Amino acid sequence: MKRFASTILMTAVLMGIGAAYAATPAEMYDDVWKIVNKKYYDPTNNSQDWNKWRYRYQNKLKTKEDAYVAIETMLTSLNDPYTRFLDPKEFSEETQSIKGSLKGIGTQIGLRDGELVIIAPLEDSPAERAGLLADDRILEINGESTKGISIDAAADKIRGEKGTTVTLLIQRKGVPNKIYSVVRDEIEVKSVSCKPPFETTKIPGDIQYIRLSSFISKNAAGEIESILNNSSGMKGFIIDLRSNPGGLLTNAIYISDMLLRGGVIVSTVDRDSYKTTTRARMQQVTDKPIVVLINKGSASASEILSGALKDNHRATIVGEQSFGKGLVQEINKLPDEAG
């Protein structure tokens, strides 16, 4: 497993959502420029003169669509897949996933070495049922190459209405490339389950198995707390984070807090090297032994939770090296429900 100091980027669905406001296209563009100028973790902004972007489109942005294109062009210059612009449709889909529902095939995607990869399919999603796996490379979407594609552009191609089909050409180590046809659906994000993978594992009755498939739902931490509070007779816990792509940072912190007697949960470092440390609040719910299962699809918040338990000698970690996404991101809400 990899352990990282987390760094703050600009936009994704992890920390919080600010209030929307009214603005002209030029003001919207300038506000995004200011956010990156203030918050982006790399003070060199990908070794470029960030000031040149501020007035590049002066008196040229007449509509919100003009602003959207200009913002995307500006952010692309950072060459960072995790700093991105969400138009109103994309922003709505992201916020719906926090509420526990989404449309599509149910997989989180990312870029690794410039290639589009599946971080992990969601549990019981069309992607999982079709046989897609963590670390699969997506070479084509509906017959079109993904070379040079952005995460947002790929997500737009993969998403779609319930009942429609998307075809993915998948490259997987050790087997020939294969086309997968996946039927899109409405997906309920189920974060927590206590049903063990009985087909491969037999678990004694006094060991509580907890499957945490994502940290996306705002209810995940509360569900874990309920399980822990109703497991007083158990001698230990298995927390399964395999193929968990992450989600809300607050969920990782709250769950860590339930399991730790003390110690550091996570530290974040901003562009000015200012370090913020979150510690356990001495509100441990259980002191029973814990085993955490991870694999190469365990990313982001999964790595924060497993790393906190490992570093504080609270759990034994079993499995493969995790994905390696030691980043903390935040949303900044823009006019017209963009972000």
Protein backbone atom coordinates (compact mmCIF):
# COMPACT_ATOMS: atom_id res chain seq x y z
CA MET A 1 0.00 0.00 0.00
CA LYS A 2 1.16 3.53 -0.73
CA ARG A 3 1.04 6.28 1.90
CA PHE A 4 0.88 9.95 0.92
CA ALA A 5 0.60 13.41 2.39
CA SER A 6 -2.56 14.71 0.74
CA THR A 7 -2.51 17.85 -1.35
CA ILE A 8 -5.35 20.19 -2.18
CA LEU A 9 -6.43 20.54 -5.79
CA MET A 10 -9.36 22.40 -7.21
CA THR A 11 -12.37 20.42 -8.26
CA ALA A 12 -14.01 17.06 -7.71
CA VAL A 13 -16.63 15.73 -5.36
CA LEU A 14 -14.81 15.21 -2.10
CA MET A 15 -14.81 18.04 0.41
CA GLY A 16 -17.73 20.40 0.09
CA ILE A 17 -19.87 22.58 -2.12
CA GLY A 18 -20.07 26.33 -1.81
CA ALA A 19 -23.02 28.53 -2.71
CA ALA A 20 -23.84 29.44 -6.29
CA TYR A 21 -23.90 33.07 -7.41
CA ALA A 22 -24.76 35.24 -10.41
CA ALA A 23 -21.97 36.42 -12.70
CA THR A 24 -21.21 37.44 -16.26
CA PRO A 25 -19.23 35.02 -18.46
CA ALA A 26 -16.10 37.12 -17.93
CA GLU A 27 -16.60 37.15 -14.16
CA MET A 28 -17.09 33.38 -14.09
CA TYR A 29 -13.86 32.86 -16.01
CA ASP A 30 -11.97 35.24 -13.73
CA ASP A 31 -13.32 33.54 -10.62
CA VAL A 32 -11.98 30.18 -11.81
CA TRP A 33 -8.62 31.80 -12.54
CA LYS A 34 -8.56 33.20 -8.97
CA ILE A 35 -9.48 29.84 -7.42
CA VAL A 36 -6.61 28.09 -9.17
CA ASN A 37 -4.24 30.96 -8.44
CA LYS A 38 -5.05 30.72 -4.73
CA LYS A 39 -5.61 27.00 -4.13
CA TYR A 40 -3.82 24.90 -6.73
CA TYR A 41 -1.25 22.68 -5.05
CA ASP A 42 1.57 23.41 -7.52
CA PRO A 43 2.65 27.06 -7.10
CA THR A 44 4.26 26.99 -10.56
CA ASN A 45 0.94 25.96 -12.16
CA ASN A 46 2.64 23.35 -14.33
CA SER A 47 5.70 25.56 -14.87
CA GLN A 48 3.80 28.25 -16.73
CA ASP A 49 3.00 31.94 -16.38
CA TRP A 50 -0.50 31.71 -14.90
CA ASN A 51 -1.00 35.47 -15.13
CA LYS A 52 -1.11 35.27 -18.92
CA TRP A 53 -4.39 33.36 -18.71
CA ARG A 54 -6.22 36.03 -16.75
CA TYR A 55 -6.71 38.44 -19.64
CA ARG A 56 -6.35 36.08 -22.59
CA TYR A 57 -10.08 36.23 -23.36
CA GLN A 58 -10.73 39.83 -22.29
CA ASN A 59 -13.82 41.25 -24.10
CA LYS A 60 -14.24 37.95 -25.96
CA LEU A 61 -16.59 36.02 -23.66
CA LYS A 62 -20.14 36.86 -24.68
CA THR A 63 -22.05 33.78 -23.48
CA LYS A 64 -21.75 31.21 -20.72
CA GLU A 65 -20.80 28.65 -23.38
CA ASP A 66 -17.88 30.91 -24.35
CA ALA A 67 -16.82 30.93 -20.70
CA TYR A 68 -17.10 27.13 -20.44
CA VAL A 69 -14.79 26.60 -23.41
CA ALA A 70 -12.29 29.19 -22.15
CA ILE A 71 -12.26 27.69 -18.64
CA GLU A 72 -11.69 24.18 -19.99
CA THR A 73 -8.85 25.44 -22.20
CA MET A 74 -7.24 27.21 -19.25
CA LEU A 75 -7.51 24.20 -16.93
CA THR A 76 -6.21 21.83 -19.60
CA SER A 77 -2.95 23.78 -19.56
CA LEU A 78 -2.32 22.42 -16.05
CA ASN A 79 -2.08 18.88 -17.49
CA ASP A 80 -3.83 17.58 -14.38
CA PRO A 81 -6.74 15.12 -14.75
CA TYR A 82 -8.07 15.96 -11.28
CA THR A 83 -8.46 19.70 -11.87
CA ARG A 84 -11.46 19.99 -14.11
CA PHE A 85 -14.52 21.99 -15.04
CA LEU A 86 -18.02 20.54 -14.69
CA ASP A 87 -20.81 21.97 -16.81
CA PRO A 88 -24.30 22.03 -15.23
CA LYS A 89 -25.18 18.51 -16.45
CA GLU A 90 -21.91 17.01 -15.19
CA PHE A 91 -22.18 18.91 -11.92
CA SER A 92 -25.72 17.60 -11.36
CA GLU A 93 -24.57 14.02 -11.97
CA GLU A 94 -21.72 14.43 -9.49
CA THR A 95 -23.98 15.81 -6.77
CA GLN A 96 -26.55 13.07 -7.41
CA SER A 97 -23.86 10.46 -6.74
CA ILE A 98 -23.30 12.00 -3.31
CA LYS A 99 -27.02 11.62 -2.63
CA GLY A 100 -26.71 7.94 -3.51
CA SER A 101 -27.86 7.59 -7.11
CA LEU A 102 -26.44 7.97 -10.61
CA LYS A 103 -26.98 6.94 -14.23
CA GLY A 104 -24.51 5.04 -16.37
CA ILE A 105 -22.54 1.82 -15.97
CA GLY A 106 -21.20 2.43 -12.46
CA THR A 107 -17.45 2.70 -12.73
CA GLN A 108 -14.92 5.29 -11.64
CA ILE A 109 -12.31 6.12 -14.26
CA GLY A 110 -8.96 7.85 -14.09
CA LEU A 111 -5.77 8.48 -16.02
CA ARG A 112 -2.56 6.54 -15.36
CA ASP A 113 0.51 7.31 -17.45
CA GLY A 114 -1.78 9.09 -19.90
CA GLU A 115 -4.02 6.04 -20.37
CA LEU A 116 -7.69 5.81 -19.43
CA VAL A 117 -8.14 3.19 -16.71
CA ILE A 118 -10.93 1.81 -14.58
CA ILE A 119 -10.16 2.59 -10.95
CA ALA A 120 -12.95 0.31 -9.79
CA PRO A 121 -16.48 -0.73 -10.79
CA LEU A 122 -19.16 -0.07 -8.20
CA GLU A 123 -20.58 -3.10 -6.46
CA ASP A 124 -23.56 -4.71 -8.24
CA SER A 125 -23.30 -2.18 -11.08
CA PRO A 126 -23.67 -2.89 -14.82
CA ALA A 127 -19.88 -2.54 -15.11
CA GLU A 128 -19.25 -5.18 -12.44
CA ARG A 129 -21.86 -7.54 -13.87
CA ALA A 130 -20.31 -7.19 -17.32
CA GLY A 131 -16.95 -8.33 -15.92
CA LEU A 132 -15.00 -5.06 -15.93
CA LEU A 133 -12.16 -4.99 -13.39
CA ALA A 134 -9.97 -2.49 -11.59
CA ASP A 135 -6.92 -1.49 -13.66
CA ASP A 136 -8.55 -2.38 -16.98
CA ARG A 137 -7.34 -0.03 -19.74
CA ILE A 138 -10.13 1.48 -21.87
CA LEU A 139 -8.71 1.70 -25.39
CA GLU A 140 -11.92 2.65 -27.21
CA ILE A 141 -15.40 3.92 -26.33
CA ASN A 142 -18.05 3.12 -28.94
CA GLY A 143 -15.29 2.46 -31.46
CA GLU A 144 -13.47 5.76 -30.86
CA SER A 145 -9.91 5.79 -29.51
CA THR A 146 -9.37 7.16 -26.01
CA LYS A 147 -5.82 8.31 -26.76
CA GLY A 148 -5.41 11.81 -25.36
CA ILE A 149 -8.96 11.91 -23.98
CA SER A 150 -9.78 13.76 -20.75
CA ILE A 151 -11.64 12.14 -17.84
CA ASP A 152 -14.64 14.42 -18.41
CA ALA A 153 -14.82 13.65 -22.13
CA ALA A 154 -14.58 9.92 -21.44
CA ALA A 155 -17.25 10.11 -18.74
CA ASP A 156 -19.58 11.96 -21.12
CA LYS A 157 -19.19 9.16 -23.68
CA ILE A 158 -19.73 6.40 -21.12
CA ARG A 159 -22.75 7.95 -19.39
CA GLY A 160 -26.18 7.73 -20.95
CA GLU A 161 -29.83 6.95 -20.49
CA LYS A 162 -31.06 3.76 -18.87
CA GLY A 163 -31.37 0.91 -21.34
CA THR A 164 -28.84 2.22 -23.84
CA THR A 165 -25.56 0.43 -24.52
CA VAL A 166 -21.94 1.55 -24.49
CA THR A 167 -19.15 -0.58 -25.97
CA LEU A 168 -15.67 -0.52 -24.46
CA LEU A 169 -12.52 -2.04 -25.92
CA ILE A 170 -10.62 -3.27 -22.87
CA GLN A 171 -6.95 -4.11 -22.48
CA ARG A 172 -6.19 -6.40 -19.54
CA LYS A 173 -2.86 -7.89 -18.59
CA GLY A 174 -2.39 -11.48 -19.66
CA VAL A 175 -5.42 -11.77 -21.95
CA PRO A 176 -6.29 -10.57 -25.49
CA ASN A 177 -8.09 -7.25 -25.89
CA LYS A 178 -11.86 -7.66 -25.65
CA ILE A 179 -14.95 -5.57 -26.45
CA TYR A 180 -17.48 -5.29 -23.62
CA SER A 181 -21.04 -4.15 -24.34
CA VAL A 182 -22.54 -2.69 -21.16
CA VAL A 183 -26.18 -1.66 -20.77
CA ARG A 184 -26.56 1.57 -18.83
CA ASP A 185 -28.89 1.72 -15.84
CA GLU A 186 -29.97 3.84 -12.89
CA ILE A 187 -27.62 2.88 -10.09
CA GLU A 188 -28.26 3.09 -6.38
CA VAL A 189 -24.93 3.69 -4.66
CA LYS A 190 -24.80 1.13 -1.85
CA SER A 191 -21.80 1.95 0.27
CA VAL A 192 -22.02 -0.65 3.04
CA SER A 193 -22.87 -4.35 3.15
CA CYS A 194 -22.31 -7.10 5.71
CA LYS A 195 -22.77 -9.95 3.23
CA PRO A 196 -19.45 -11.82 2.91
CA PRO A 197 -18.14 -13.19 -0.39
CA PHE A 198 -19.30 -16.64 0.71
CA GLU A 199 -18.41 -18.31 -2.54
CA THR A 200 -14.71 -17.97 -1.76
CA THR A 201 -14.51 -17.20 1.96
CA LYS A 202 -15.97 -18.74 5.09
CA ILE A 203 -15.99 -16.36 8.05
CA PRO A 204 -16.51 -17.51 11.66
CA GLY A 205 -19.74 -16.31 13.25
CA ASP A 206 -17.95 -14.12 15.79
CA ILE A 207 -16.06 -12.11 13.13
CA GLN A 208 -18.02 -9.25 11.54
CA TYR A 209 -17.41 -8.79 7.82
CA ILE A 210 -18.04 -5.24 6.52
CA ARG A 211 -17.92 -4.49 2.81
CA LEU A 212 -17.40 -0.77 2.15
CA SER A 213 -17.70 -0.40 -1.63
CA SER A 214 -17.36 3.39 -1.82
CA PHE A 215 -17.16 6.55 0.27
CA ILE A 216 -19.40 8.44 -2.16
CA SER A 217 -22.69 8.40 -0.26
CA LYS A 218 -23.02 10.91 2.57
CA ASN A 219 -24.64 8.09 4.60
CA ALA A 220 -21.63 5.75 4.53
CA ALA A 221 -20.10 6.79 7.87
CA GLY A 222 -23.45 6.57 9.65
CA GLU A 223 -24.05 3.08 8.28
CA ILE A 224 -20.65 1.92 9.54
CA GLU A 225 -21.31 3.44 12.97
CA SER A 226 -24.63 1.59 13.20
CA ILE A 227 -22.94 -1.73 12.38
CA LEU A 228 -20.21 -1.18 14.96
CA ASN A 229 -22.70 -0.21 17.66
CA ASN A 230 -24.67 -3.40 17.03
CA SER A 231 -21.67 -5.74 16.99
CA SER A 232 -20.80 -5.85 20.68
CA GLY A 233 -20.54 -9.64 20.70
CA MET A 234 -18.01 -9.79 17.88
CA LYS A 235 -14.35 -10.67 18.47
CA GLY A 236 -13.06 -8.78 15.45
CA PHE A 237 -13.81 -7.10 12.13
CA ILE A 238 -12.86 -7.55 8.49
CA ILE A 239 -13.25 -4.30 6.55
CA ASP A 240 -13.22 -4.96 2.81
CA LEU A 241 -12.03 -1.94 0.79
CA ARG A 242 -11.13 -3.88 -2.34
CA SER A 243 -12.07 -2.00 -5.52
CA ASN A 244 -13.32 0.92 -3.43
CA PRO A 245 -12.51 4.00 -5.56
CA GLY A 246 -12.97 6.52 -2.75
CA GLY A 247 -15.43 9.38 -2.33
CA LEU A 248 -16.03 11.88 0.45
CA LEU A 249 -12.99 12.71 2.57
CA THR A 250 -15.28 13.34 5.55
CA ASN A 251 -16.42 9.70 5.44
CA ALA A 252 -12.83 8.46 5.64
CA ILE A 253 -12.14 10.78 8.59
CA TYR A 254 -15.33 9.88 10.50
CA ILE A 255 -14.82 6.14 10.05
CA SER A 256 -11.16 6.39 11.08
CA ASP A 257 -12.26 8.33 14.15
CA MET A 258 -14.61 5.50 15.16
CA LEU A 259 -11.80 2.96 15.04
CA LEU A 260 -8.85 4.87 16.52
CA ARG A 261 -8.14 5.70 20.13
CA GLY A 262 -5.88 8.55 19.05
CA GLY A 263 -3.25 9.52 16.51
CA VAL A 264 -3.12 11.21 13.12
CA ILE A 265 -5.80 10.33 10.57
CA VAL A 266 -4.58 12.43 7.64
CA SER A 267 -2.41 15.46 6.90
CA THR A 268 -2.97 17.79 3.96
CA VAL A 269 -0.34 20.09 2.48
CA ASP A 270 -1.32 23.13 0.41
CA ARG A 271 0.60 25.07 -2.26
CA ASP A 272 2.42 27.10 0.39
CA SER A 273 3.55 23.91 2.15
CA TYR A 274 1.14 24.66 5.00
CA LYS A 275 0.30 21.40 6.70
CA THR A 276 -3.09 20.71 8.27
CA THR A 277 -3.36 17.61 10.42
CA THR A 278 -6.59 15.85 11.42
CA ARG A 279 -6.33 13.71 14.55
CA ALA A 280 -8.64 11.14 16.08
CA ARG A 281 -10.87 12.66 18.77
CA MET A 282 -10.62 9.83 21.30
CA GLN A 283 -14.18 8.66 20.49
CA GLN A 284 -13.38 5.07 19.59
CA VAL A 285 -16.47 2.89 19.07
CA THR A 286 -14.65 -0.47 19.21
CA ASP A 287 -11.20 -1.70 20.20
CA LYS A 288 -11.61 -5.17 18.68
CA PRO A 289 -8.96 -6.41 16.19
CA ILE A 290 -9.35 -5.30 12.57
CA VAL A 291 -8.16 -6.68 9.24
CA VAL A 292 -8.47 -4.42 6.18
CA LEU A 293 -8.55 -5.88 2.66
CA ILE A 294 -7.26 -3.72 -0.22
CA ASN A 295 -6.27 -4.16 -3.86
CA LYS A 296 -5.13 -2.06 -6.80
CA GLY A 297 -8.65 -0.65 -7.11
CA SER A 298 -8.56 0.78 -3.57
CA ALA A 299 -8.03 4.50 -4.07
CA SER A 300 -8.24 7.93 -2.48
CA ALA A 301 -10.43 7.79 0.66
CA SER A 302 -9.80 4.02 0.85
CA GLU A 303 -6.09 4.72 1.11
CA ILE A 304 -6.66 7.39 3.75
CA LEU A 305 -8.68 5.01 5.95
CA SER A 306 -6.40 2.00 5.51
CA GLY A 307 -3.30 4.19 5.87
CA ALA A 308 -4.57 5.76 9.10
CA LEU A 309 -5.35 2.36 10.61
CA LYS A 310 -1.99 0.95 9.52
CA ASP A 311 0.11 3.92 10.66
CA ASN A 312 -1.56 3.90 14.07
CA HIS A 313 -1.01 0.12 14.42
CA ARG A 314 -4.77 -0.38 14.62
CA ALA A 315 -5.27 -2.85 11.77
CA THR A 316 -3.52 -5.47 9.70
CA ILE A 317 -3.60 -4.63 5.99
CA VAL A 318 -3.92 -7.57 3.59
CA GLY A 319 -3.89 -7.61 -0.21
CA GLU A 320 -2.20 -5.78 -3.07
CA GLN A 321 -0.56 -2.39 -3.49
CA SER A 322 -3.34 0.20 -3.68
CA PHE A 323 -4.06 2.61 -6.54
CA GLY A 324 -1.90 5.49 -5.30
CA LYS A 325 -4.18 8.55 -5.36
CA GLY A 326 -2.99 10.59 -2.39
CA LEU A 327 -5.01 13.67 -3.27
CA VAL A 328 -7.71 15.71 -1.56
CA GLN A 329 -9.97 17.71 -3.84
CA GLU A 330 -12.77 20.21 -3.35
CA ILE A 331 -15.70 21.57 -5.31
CA ASN A 332 -16.17 25.25 -6.03
CA LYS A 333 -19.70 25.94 -7.24
CA LEU A 334 -20.03 28.33 -10.17
CA PRO A 335 -23.02 30.17 -11.70
CA ASP A 336 -25.63 28.23 -13.69
CA GLU A 337 -25.04 25.19 -11.46
CA ALA A 338 -21.60 24.53 -12.94
CA GLY A 339 -18.55 23.68 -10.85
